[in-house]
Structure formats: C-alpha cells, structure tokens
Amino acid sequence: MKYLTLVWIVIGTLGFTNASMAKSLPTTKADRVGMSAERLDRITQMTQQYVDEGRVAGVITMVARNGKLVHFEAVGNKGTEDPRPLQKNDLFRIYSMTKPITATAAMQLYEQGKFHMNDPVHKFIPEFKDLTVLNERGEQVPVRNHMTMQQLLSHTTGLSYGFDPQNDPVDKLYVDANLWEQEDLDAFTKVVAKLPLKFEPGSAWHYSIAVDVTGAVIERISGQSFEEYLKEKIFDPLGMDDTFFQLPADKKARFLPNHYWDYQNNKLLAMDTELLVRTGALLPGASEKSAMFNFDEVSLYSGGGGLISTAMDYLKFAEMMRNGGELGGVRILGEKTVKYMAKNHLTASITSSDMGESPVSILGERDLGAGFGLGFGVVADTVKTGVLGSNGEFSWGGAAGTVFWIDPVEEMVVVGMIQLMGSPWNLRSDLKVAVYQAITDSYE
C-alpha cells in the first residue's frame, strides 16, 4: 500500500511592526534585502507553468527576508471544478504543518518549568505508564524504558500512524482501534495506551501520532482544551485570525477543495471526503466523521494534522520563529528555546525505521543530510540533500502539499500552499531553486 509522503513547498516569512497589524505586514523592495525582483519573478513563472500544465489547480508562494515581505503571489484557480481565481486569503488544510505549532505550544510550557525533557510521558498521561512493545516474535512485552517528553517531540517514541496495515502488525492494530473516531484527546490517549509500540522508545525515528499525544499533554498540564490553549497563547497574540480546527460558517466560502493525481488518466481531479476515506490516502481506517476529515463538528483536536490556515497566517508563525520567538512586540518563545528546537535531536545511534515518513522524505530518499529537531525537520548538510539551501534550515510540510521553511543563515522564510494529496511533483525543490537563485547578497 502506498502511504503518503509529505510534499514540501517553501513559504516566505515576514516581519511586522505590531501583532495587531495582521492584514498589513510590511513589504519592501527586493534589492533592499539583497534579492533581485527580476529573479523573484521566476517563482511565479515556475508556479504558473505547473498550473498551465495541469499539475496543480493553484499555488500561493511567499518569501520574506529580514522580516520584510518581498514576494506574495497566488496563481491558478481554486480547484479543478472551481475556475474562480485563487485568492491570497483562501483557506488550506495544512495537515502536518500543525505539528510545529503544537511543538511550540509544548515548549511554552517547558519554559515555564512544567516539564523536563527526560520526564516520562506517563507523568502527565498516567495511562501510558504500562506501555508494551511488539517484539520479534509478535508478542506484546513491557517496555524496558519509559517514553520521555524529548522522544515525544522528536518522533522517537515507538508510536506509529497506521500507514501500512497490510504489512505491519502494529499499524493493523492502529487501524482496528479507530483512533480518529474518538470523541476527544482523553479518549484518544486511552485507546493509544492499549496499543503496542513498534520499537523500544528512543531506539529509532518513526513518523507518528506522537504530536497528537503532545496535544493531550498540553491539555493535562494547562487545564485548557488544546483548541483554547492554541488560540489564547499563539493564534490571538500573533493575529492568526484564520487558523482553527473547526471551520467557521462565515469562512466556508474560502475553504479550498482538495485534489489527487489520477495516474490512470494522467490528470488532476478533485478529491471529495468520501474518496479520501475510501482510498485511505490520509489515515487508513478513518471515516467521514473522523478528525481531519470533518471540519464542521470537531471535538478531537489533532495536534498532528487538524488545523486549517492561510498562507499569511502561517507566515506570521514562521516569521515569529525566524525572529527568535518574537513578532510585533509579542513574545511567544525565548530565542534560546527556538534555537534548541531547531537543532538535530537525533543521535548517531537513531536511524529511521523502515516505514513512515523520514525527515528527508520530500526528496524521495532517507537520511541524506537531514535530521529532526523538536517539531521540525532540520537540514544538516545541503550538499547531501542535493538541493540549494542552508545548513540549519528547519521546516515541515503537510499531506496536501503545503510546506514552509525557515533559513536562519539567510534570514529568510518561505511558504508554499497547494491542495494536492500525495503530489508526484518535485515542486518543493523547484521552489527552493527559484527562491535561492534570487539572492544577490548571501549572508553565508
């Protein structure tokens, strides 16, 4: 069974003078921040070609440097069945780009001394005290080491996603457990606690529901629902008025359709929820009422993939991180905390397991010049990745093709938004080349 690889596209960051100035972020001429306006136009030429060739319906790209927006373009249409022009404030399923936001929320609590990295997760979720792992004989045996908060934030827990139920016995149990049908995060964690881990905590890297569990930890520590916490501590302070788990009725007209590539007929098609469920392209075993499928009545707040957002809102979040945790006079995290999150937390003894996403899956290969921090993929060696960039970039993407990256060397943020499940295109690499070739004054 094919399971989804994350598509990465680059999204630009911008700075603004006041968090209340959500709709009027500062722009500047490209040459004032060491970039070429003429060369930046190649981004639009590239995305327009993608649209003209029928590979995507529409694309939004943003680039910011030194906190100033130098590129913000929307090309194409809202969908294959909606010929209206794509608008810059249209709403996207950002899926796994929810994860860095969840990690940021957790690190706010870390800064307040609410937990230590080596704390066992069961300190906050007692249901996790007696976890088991599936051994080579297919037996569920007690774990030798308790899962820690650092492992939870770095995808080294032994948890899974259920992407490969046909071949992996743990993933089969995940699908049978109907995780995404649970009412809320409390019910979710109770079910997860009964499932075996794929491997001993801390021994491998495997993309998983760990970030959803992190959301549950945030609820237990803060005493708030995860939705309320994000709104109060991140979205409202940053002016992210278009980011939410549940789609407001008055904003439904801006919510874009999703798409998939029809290999049999070699064309782009709209993907309705029924098709997404039937194919298991997002979460095998889920139904139309599951989290991340139903955005009208949400009670299970998925920290791993449940948010809807706009390109501009996500740019604000990314720029805050590039700027050391502060934006418009509002501090979300300390600068040292941001730098800690963006370090590679995978030791030499930790390797990717054989299933799931890897930090470099966007390039179609594993463990080539990349690592993983706390909530972000990290580039350790751009030469090994085989595409333009900077060592120290941190980023992530979403299942429907959304992507962002933060480049602390070039003081740049890039955001790219599409709605295409399992994209077969190398759009992220094309975007990276188009962005970096526009730099005329490199800080490296």
Protein backbone atom coordinates (compact mmCIF):
# COMPACT_ATOMS: atom_id res chain seq x y z
CA MET A 1 0.00 0.00 0.00
CA LYS A 2 1.21 3.42 -0.83
CA TYR A 3 1.28 5.82 2.05
CA LEU A 4 1.56 9.50 1.75
CA THR A 5 4.86 11.32 1.57
CA LEU A 6 4.93 14.89 2.62
CA VAL A 7 5.24 17.43 -0.14
CA TRP A 8 7.42 20.38 0.79
CA ILE A 9 6.99 23.78 -0.67
CA VAL A 10 8.69 26.88 0.56
CA ILE A 11 6.89 29.66 2.28
CA GLY A 12 8.22 33.11 2.92
CA THR A 13 8.39 34.80 6.24
CA LEU A 14 7.67 38.35 7.02
CA GLY A 15 8.08 40.69 9.87
CA PHE A 16 5.66 43.30 11.01
CA THR A 17 5.79 46.10 13.49
CA ASN A 18 2.73 45.16 15.53
CA ALA A 19 0.89 41.89 16.07
CA SER A 20 -2.40 43.71 15.54
CA MET A 21 -1.26 44.61 12.01
CA ALA A 22 -2.30 41.15 10.84
CA LYS A 23 -3.56 42.29 7.47
CA SER A 24 -0.85 44.80 6.62
CA LEU A 25 2.51 43.14 7.00
CA PRO A 26 5.42 45.28 5.83
CA THR A 27 6.79 44.80 2.35
CA THR A 28 9.99 46.07 0.82
CA LYS A 29 11.77 46.14 -2.49
CA ALA A 30 13.81 43.04 -3.09
CA ASP A 31 17.09 44.88 -3.63
CA ARG A 32 16.85 46.40 -0.15
CA VAL A 33 17.24 42.95 1.38
CA GLY A 34 19.80 41.56 -1.04
CA MET A 35 17.46 39.92 -3.54
CA SER A 36 16.57 40.51 -7.18
CA ALA A 37 12.97 41.37 -8.07
CA GLU A 38 13.50 40.13 -11.60
CA ARG A 39 14.79 36.80 -10.36
CA LEU A 40 11.98 36.50 -7.81
CA ASP A 41 9.57 36.65 -10.75
CA ARG A 42 10.91 33.22 -11.71
CA ILE A 43 8.93 31.80 -8.77
CA THR A 44 5.69 32.95 -10.36
CA GLN A 45 6.82 31.77 -13.78
CA MET A 46 7.53 28.34 -12.32
CA THR A 47 4.24 28.01 -10.44
CA GLN A 48 2.29 29.32 -13.44
CA GLN A 49 3.87 26.58 -15.54
CA TYR A 50 2.70 24.00 -13.01
CA VAL A 51 -0.83 25.38 -13.35
CA ASP A 52 -0.71 25.64 -17.15
CA GLU A 53 0.42 22.02 -17.41
CA GLY A 54 -2.50 20.90 -15.23
CA ARG A 55 -0.33 19.55 -12.43
CA VAL A 56 -1.90 21.70 -9.72
CA ALA A 57 -5.03 23.85 -9.60
CA GLY A 58 -3.43 26.79 -7.86
CA VAL A 59 -0.37 27.80 -5.84
CA ILE A 60 0.36 30.50 -3.29
CA THR A 61 4.00 31.35 -2.59
CA MET A 62 5.50 33.79 -0.10
CA VAL A 63 9.08 34.86 0.55
CA ALA A 64 10.30 37.18 3.29
CA ARG A 65 13.80 38.26 4.23
CA ASN A 66 14.91 40.18 7.30
CA GLY A 67 11.28 40.34 8.34
CA LYS A 68 10.16 42.05 5.14
CA LEU A 69 7.86 40.52 2.55
CA VAL A 70 9.38 40.56 -0.94
CA HIS A 71 7.18 38.05 -2.75
CA PHE A 72 3.50 37.11 -2.34
CA GLU A 73 1.70 35.64 -5.33
CA ALA A 74 -1.33 33.46 -5.99
CA VAL A 75 -1.62 31.78 -9.39
CA GLY A 76 -4.23 29.45 -10.82
CA ASN A 77 -7.74 28.59 -9.69
CA LYS A 78 -9.42 27.47 -6.51
CA GLY A 79 -9.91 23.96 -7.90
CA THR A 80 -10.25 21.81 -10.98
CA GLU A 81 -14.03 22.21 -10.72
CA ASP A 82 -13.93 25.81 -9.50
CA PRO A 83 -12.49 28.13 -12.16
CA ARG A 84 -12.52 31.20 -9.93
CA PRO A 85 -9.05 32.67 -9.39
CA LEU A 86 -7.20 31.52 -6.28
CA GLN A 87 -7.23 34.25 -3.63
CA LYS A 88 -4.39 35.04 -1.24
CA ASN A 89 -6.67 34.64 1.80
CA ASP A 90 -8.12 31.26 0.79
CA LEU A 91 -8.12 28.54 3.44
CA PHE A 92 -5.98 25.40 3.22
CA ARG A 93 -5.84 22.09 5.06
CA ILE A 94 -2.33 22.35 6.42
CA TYR A 95 -2.36 18.85 7.94
CA SER A 96 1.12 18.10 9.35
CA MET A 97 2.15 21.75 9.34
CA THR A 98 0.04 21.69 12.52
CA LYS A 99 2.92 19.80 14.17
CA PRO A 100 5.41 22.69 14.54
CA ILE A 101 2.65 24.79 16.13
CA THR A 102 1.92 22.02 18.63
CA ALA A 103 5.62 21.69 19.45
CA THR A 104 5.79 25.45 20.02
CA ALA A 105 2.87 25.26 22.43
CA ALA A 106 4.59 22.46 24.34
CA MET A 107 7.83 24.41 24.55
CA GLN A 108 5.99 27.35 26.09
CA LEU A 109 5.11 25.02 28.95
CA TYR A 110 8.68 23.74 29.04
CA GLU A 111 9.91 27.31 29.50
CA GLN A 112 7.53 27.66 32.46
CA GLY A 113 9.13 24.65 34.13
CA LYS A 114 6.07 22.46 33.66
CA PHE A 115 8.13 19.53 32.39
CA HIS A 116 11.71 18.41 31.69
CA MET A 117 12.86 16.69 28.53
CA ASN A 118 13.64 13.47 30.38
CA ASP A 119 10.29 13.37 32.18
CA PRO A 120 8.31 10.23 31.38
CA VAL A 121 5.16 10.94 29.39
CA HIS A 122 3.16 8.96 31.93
CA LYS A 123 3.86 11.71 34.47
CA PHE A 124 1.22 13.69 32.59
CA ILE A 125 -0.72 10.86 30.96
CA PRO A 126 -0.88 8.07 33.58
CA GLU A 127 -2.48 5.77 31.01
CA PHE A 128 0.98 5.49 29.40
CA LYS A 129 2.68 4.01 32.47
CA ASP A 130 2.38 0.37 31.41
CA LEU A 131 3.09 0.54 27.68
CA THR A 132 4.12 -2.55 25.73
CA VAL A 133 6.23 -3.09 22.63
CA LEU A 134 5.78 -5.76 19.96
CA ASN A 135 8.85 -7.99 19.93
CA GLU A 136 10.27 -10.03 17.06
CA ARG A 137 8.04 -12.99 17.93
CA GLY A 138 4.92 -10.83 17.70
CA GLU A 139 4.45 -10.76 21.47
CA GLN A 140 3.49 -7.69 23.44
CA VAL A 141 6.05 -7.26 26.22
CA PRO A 142 6.56 -4.38 28.71
CA VAL A 143 8.86 -1.61 27.53
CA ARG A 144 12.29 -1.53 29.14
CA ASN A 145 12.44 2.27 29.09
CA HIS A 146 9.63 4.71 29.65
CA MET A 147 8.76 7.09 26.83
CA THR A 148 10.09 10.62 27.51
CA MET A 149 8.93 14.08 26.54
CA GLN A 150 12.03 14.57 24.38
CA GLN A 151 11.18 11.42 22.46
CA LEU A 152 7.59 12.58 22.09
CA LEU A 153 8.74 15.83 20.50
CA SER A 154 11.28 14.16 18.20
CA HIS A 155 9.28 11.17 16.86
CA THR A 156 11.44 8.57 18.60
CA THR A 157 8.74 7.07 20.84
CA GLY A 158 7.87 3.84 19.02
CA LEU A 159 4.38 5.16 18.28
CA SER A 160 3.09 4.85 14.71
CA TYR A 161 0.42 6.27 12.39
CA GLY A 162 -1.11 3.13 10.90
CA PHE A 163 0.01 3.90 7.35
CA ASP A 164 0.87 0.28 6.46
CA PRO A 165 -1.76 -2.05 7.93
CA GLN A 166 -1.29 -4.64 5.19
CA ASN A 167 2.31 -5.36 6.12
CA ASP A 168 2.84 -4.11 9.65
CA PRO A 169 1.04 -5.77 12.61
CA VAL A 170 1.24 -2.64 14.79
CA ASP A 171 -0.24 -0.50 12.03
CA LYS A 172 -3.03 -3.06 11.63
CA LEU A 173 -3.87 -2.65 15.31
CA TYR A 174 -3.88 1.14 14.86
CA VAL A 175 -6.45 0.91 12.07
CA ASP A 176 -8.63 -1.53 14.01
CA ALA A 177 -8.58 0.78 17.06
CA ASN A 178 -10.48 3.57 15.23
CA LEU A 179 -8.25 6.22 16.78
CA TRP A 180 -9.65 9.08 14.75
CA GLU A 181 -13.23 8.29 15.74
CA GLN A 182 -12.55 9.11 19.40
CA GLU A 183 -14.50 11.94 20.97
CA ASP A 184 -11.57 13.90 22.37
CA LEU A 185 -7.90 13.67 23.32
CA ASP A 186 -8.64 11.95 26.63
CA ALA A 187 -10.46 9.14 24.83
CA PHE A 188 -7.74 9.10 22.17
CA THR A 189 -4.91 8.58 24.67
CA LYS A 190 -6.80 5.82 26.49
CA VAL A 191 -7.04 3.86 23.23
CA VAL A 192 -3.42 4.56 22.25
CA ALA A 193 -2.18 3.36 25.64
CA LYS A 194 -3.55 -0.11 24.90
CA LEU A 195 -1.66 -0.43 21.60
CA PRO A 196 1.88 -1.85 21.45
CA LEU A 197 4.81 0.30 20.33
CA LYS A 198 6.72 -0.56 17.14
CA PHE A 199 10.07 -0.41 18.91
CA GLU A 200 11.67 0.44 22.22
CA PRO A 201 11.36 4.21 22.94
CA GLY A 202 14.46 6.13 21.85
CA SER A 203 15.85 3.48 19.51
CA ALA A 204 14.59 4.74 16.13
CA TRP A 205 12.88 7.62 14.32
CA HIS A 206 9.38 6.95 13.04
CA TYR A 207 6.72 9.45 11.96
CA SER A 208 3.76 9.02 14.27
CA ILE A 209 0.84 10.23 16.34
CA ALA A 210 3.32 11.50 18.94
CA VAL A 211 2.28 15.08 18.25
CA ASP A 212 -1.37 14.24 18.89
CA VAL A 213 -0.26 12.80 22.22
CA THR A 214 1.65 16.05 22.79
CA GLY A 215 -1.65 17.90 22.40
CA ALA A 216 -3.09 15.73 25.15
CA VAL A 217 -0.10 16.53 27.39
CA ILE A 218 -0.69 20.24 26.80
CA GLU A 219 -4.31 19.81 27.87
CA ARG A 220 -3.35 17.96 31.05
CA ILE A 221 -0.68 20.48 32.06
CA SER A 222 -2.56 23.67 31.13
CA GLY A 223 -6.03 22.64 32.24
CA GLN A 224 -7.41 24.04 28.98
CA SER A 225 -8.66 22.31 25.87
CA PHE A 226 -5.93 22.14 23.24
CA GLU A 227 -8.01 24.36 20.96
CA GLU A 228 -8.41 27.01 23.65
CA TYR A 229 -4.72 26.91 24.53
CA LEU A 230 -3.54 27.47 20.94
CA LYS A 231 -6.00 30.31 20.42
CA GLU A 232 -5.05 32.09 23.64
CA LYS A 233 -1.28 31.52 23.61
CA ILE A 234 -0.37 31.54 19.91
CA PHE A 235 -3.11 32.47 17.44
CA ASP A 236 -4.56 35.55 19.13
CA PRO A 237 -1.17 37.03 20.12
CA LEU A 238 0.14 36.62 16.54
CA GLY A 239 -3.05 37.83 14.87
CA MET A 240 -3.61 34.43 13.24
CA ASP A 241 -7.33 35.02 12.81
CA ASP A 242 -7.69 32.46 10.03
CA THR A 243 -6.24 29.42 11.80
CA PHE A 244 -8.56 26.94 13.51
CA PHE A 245 -9.61 23.29 13.88
CA GLN A 246 -13.27 23.87 13.13
CA LEU A 247 -14.24 25.80 10.01
CA PRO A 248 -16.35 28.86 10.91
CA ALA A 249 -19.60 29.05 8.97
CA ASP A 250 -18.84 32.56 7.71
CA LYS A 251 -15.49 31.40 6.22
CA LYS A 252 -16.61 28.25 4.39
CA ALA A 253 -16.63 30.02 1.01
CA ARG A 254 -12.84 30.45 1.31
CA PHE A 255 -12.12 26.77 2.08
CA LEU A 256 -10.47 25.19 -0.94
CA PRO A 257 -11.24 21.76 -2.40
CA ASN A 258 -8.64 19.02 -2.14
CA HIS A 259 -7.20 17.13 -5.14
CA TYR A 260 -5.39 13.98 -6.18
CA TRP A 261 -3.48 12.89 -9.26
CA ASP A 262 -5.33 10.30 -11.35
CA TYR A 263 -2.46 8.16 -12.64
CA GLN A 264 -4.74 6.05 -14.81
CA ASN A 265 -6.00 9.03 -16.79
CA ASN A 266 -2.95 11.23 -16.16
CA LYS A 267 -4.83 14.25 -14.86
CA LEU A 268 -5.67 16.26 -11.75
CA LEU A 269 -9.05 15.57 -10.15
CA ALA A 270 -11.00 16.95 -7.22
CA MET A 271 -10.97 14.66 -4.19
CA ASP A 272 -14.07 14.60 -2.03
CA THR A 273 -14.04 13.32 1.53
CA GLU A 274 -15.67 10.03 0.55
CA LEU A 275 -12.85 9.26 -1.88
CA LEU A 276 -10.19 10.31 0.62
CA VAL A 277 -11.68 7.93 3.18
CA ARG A 278 -12.14 5.06 0.73
CA THR A 279 -8.56 5.18 -0.53
CA GLY A 280 -7.05 5.61 2.92
CA ALA A 281 -4.76 8.24 1.42
CA LEU A 282 -4.64 10.27 4.63
CA LEU A 283 -5.48 7.93 7.50
CA PRO A 284 -6.28 4.26 6.81
CA GLY A 285 -9.44 3.10 8.53
CA ALA A 286 -10.89 6.57 9.13
CA SER A 287 -14.42 7.65 8.23
CA GLU A 288 -16.01 10.87 7.03
CA LYS A 289 -16.69 11.82 10.65
CA SER A 290 -13.07 11.37 11.70
CA ALA A 291 -10.70 14.11 12.78
CA MET A 292 -9.00 15.76 9.77
CA PHE A 293 -11.92 14.78 7.51
CA ASN A 294 -14.83 16.53 9.19
CA PHE A 295 -14.07 20.19 9.85
CA ASP A 296 -17.65 21.19 10.76
CA GLU A 297 -18.06 19.46 14.13
CA VAL A 298 -14.66 18.97 15.75
CA SER A 299 -14.04 17.69 19.27
CA LEU A 300 -10.84 15.66 18.72
CA TYR A 301 -8.24 18.38 18.24
CA SER A 302 -5.39 16.79 16.30
CA GLY A 303 -2.07 18.39 17.14
CA GLY A 304 -0.55 16.31 14.37
CA GLY A 305 -2.72 17.43 11.48
CA GLY A 306 -6.01 19.09 12.33
CA LEU A 307 -5.57 22.78 11.52
CA ILE A 308 -6.88 24.91 8.68
CA SER A 309 -4.95 28.10 7.88
CA THR A 310 -3.97 30.69 5.29
CA ALA A 311 -0.58 31.37 3.77
CA MET A 312 -0.40 34.72 5.56
CA ASP A 313 -1.28 33.28 8.96
CA TYR A 314 1.37 30.60 8.67
CA LEU A 315 3.89 33.17 7.55
CA LYS A 316 3.32 35.03 10.80
CA PHE A 317 4.03 31.90 12.79
CA ALA A 318 7.14 31.09 10.75
CA GLU A 319 8.46 34.65 10.94
CA MET A 320 8.00 34.60 14.70
CA MET A 321 10.22 31.52 14.84
CA ARG A 322 12.83 33.04 12.50
CA ASN A 323 12.84 36.16 14.63
CA GLY A 324 13.77 34.21 17.75
CA GLY A 325 10.28 33.67 19.14
CA GLU A 326 9.01 37.24 18.92
CA LEU A 327 6.86 39.14 16.44
CA GLY A 328 5.44 42.63 16.54
CA GLY A 329 6.41 43.12 20.18
CA VAL A 330 4.73 39.87 21.22
CA ARG A 331 6.99 37.12 22.55
CA ILE A 332 5.82 33.55 22.08
CA LEU A 333 9.09 31.76 22.95
CA GLY A 334 12.55 32.68 24.12
CA GLU A 335 15.25 32.92 21.45
CA LYS A 336 17.38 30.20 23.03
CA THR A 337 14.36 27.88 23.06
CA VAL A 338 13.81 28.38 19.33
CA LYS A 339 17.46 27.58 18.62
CA TYR A 340 17.20 24.46 20.77
CA MET A 341 14.13 23.27 18.84
CA ALA A 342 15.95 23.78 15.54
CA LYS A 343 18.93 21.60 16.47
CA ASN A 344 19.16 18.00 15.28
CA HIS A 345 17.97 15.87 18.22
CA LEU A 346 18.64 12.53 16.54
CA THR A 347 21.80 10.88 17.83
CA ALA A 348 24.03 8.79 15.61
CA SER A 349 22.51 5.61 17.05
CA ILE A 350 18.99 6.58 15.96
CA THR A 351 18.03 5.66 12.42
CA SER A 352 14.77 5.83 10.50
CA SER A 353 12.58 2.79 10.83
CA ASP A 354 11.53 1.06 7.64
CA MET A 355 8.08 2.63 7.40
CA GLY A 356 6.59 6.10 7.63
CA GLU A 357 7.93 9.47 6.71
CA SER A 358 11.54 10.48 7.25
CA PRO A 359 12.93 14.00 7.68
CA VAL A 360 14.08 13.94 4.05
CA SER A 361 11.18 12.05 2.50
CA ILE A 362 10.36 15.14 0.48
CA LEU A 363 13.44 14.43 -1.58
CA GLY A 364 12.48 10.80 -2.06
CA GLU A 365 15.44 9.48 -0.08
CA ARG A 366 16.22 8.79 3.54
CA ASP A 367 18.68 10.32 5.96
CA LEU A 368 20.68 12.30 3.44
CA GLY A 369 21.83 15.47 5.10
CA ALA A 370 18.77 15.81 7.30
CA GLY A 371 17.78 15.33 10.92
CA PHE A 372 14.89 16.18 13.19
CA GLY A 373 14.55 18.72 15.96
CA LEU A 374 11.61 19.35 18.28
CA GLY A 375 8.70 19.69 15.87
CA PHE A 376 10.75 20.49 12.77
CA GLY A 377 12.80 18.71 10.15
CA VAL A 378 16.36 20.07 10.14
CA VAL A 379 18.86 20.32 7.27
CA ALA A 380 22.31 19.30 8.46
CA ASP A 381 24.13 19.15 5.10
CA THR A 382 22.74 20.83 1.98
CA VAL A 383 25.27 19.09 -0.27
CA LYS A 384 23.87 15.71 0.76
CA THR A 385 20.28 16.85 0.24
CA GLY A 386 21.13 17.73 -3.34
CA VAL A 387 19.21 21.00 -3.50
CA LEU A 388 20.01 24.65 -2.79
CA GLY A 389 19.63 25.77 0.79
CA SER A 390 21.46 26.41 4.03
CA ASN A 391 22.69 24.17 6.82
CA GLY A 392 20.41 24.79 9.77
CA GLU A 393 17.16 25.26 7.84
CA PHE A 394 14.17 23.96 9.77
CA SER A 395 10.82 23.17 8.22
CA TRP A 396 7.96 20.77 7.67
CA GLY A 397 5.17 20.08 5.19
CA GLY A 398 1.62 18.80 5.01
CA ALA A 399 -0.08 15.86 3.31
CA ALA A 400 -1.97 18.10 0.88
CA GLY A 401 1.20 19.76 -0.38
CA THR A 402 1.58 22.73 1.97
CA VAL A 403 5.13 23.49 3.09
CA PHE A 404 7.33 26.07 4.78
CA TRP A 405 10.92 26.51 5.74
CA ILE A 406 12.92 28.90 7.89
CA ASP A 407 16.51 29.74 6.93
CA PRO A 408 18.38 31.34 9.86
CA VAL A 409 21.52 31.79 7.74
CA GLU A 410 19.88 33.87 5.03
CA GLU A 411 17.29 35.31 7.49
CA MET A 412 14.53 34.10 5.21
CA VAL A 413 11.17 32.37 5.42
CA VAL A 414 9.33 30.72 2.54
CA VAL A 415 5.76 29.38 2.46
CA GLY A 416 4.07 27.43 -0.30
CA MET A 417 0.44 26.30 -0.41
CA ILE A 418 -1.37 23.83 -2.66
CA GLN A 419 -4.13 21.26 -2.08
CA LEU A 420 -2.92 18.03 -3.67
CA MET A 421 -2.75 14.74 -1.80
CA GLY A 422 0.34 12.64 -2.46
CA SER A 423 1.75 15.03 -5.03
CA PRO A 424 4.02 13.29 -7.56
CA TRP A 425 5.73 16.57 -8.40
CA ASN A 426 9.07 17.92 -7.20
CA LEU A 427 7.55 21.32 -6.50
CA ARG A 428 9.42 21.93 -3.27
CA SER A 429 12.83 21.54 -4.88
CA ASP A 430 11.73 23.73 -7.78
CA LEU A 431 10.60 26.34 -5.31
CA LYS A 432 13.85 26.18 -3.38
CA VAL A 433 15.89 26.75 -6.51
CA ALA A 434 13.64 29.62 -7.61
CA VAL A 435 13.92 31.30 -4.21
CA TYR A 436 17.62 30.90 -3.57
CA GLN A 437 18.74 31.89 -7.07
CA ALA A 438 17.10 35.27 -6.40
CA ILE A 439 19.56 36.10 -3.61
CA THR A 440 22.16 38.62 -4.73
CA ASP A 441 23.72 39.17 -1.30
CA SER A 442 24.18 35.92 0.60
CA TYR A 443 24.84 36.02 4.35
CA GLU A 444 26.54 32.61 4.31
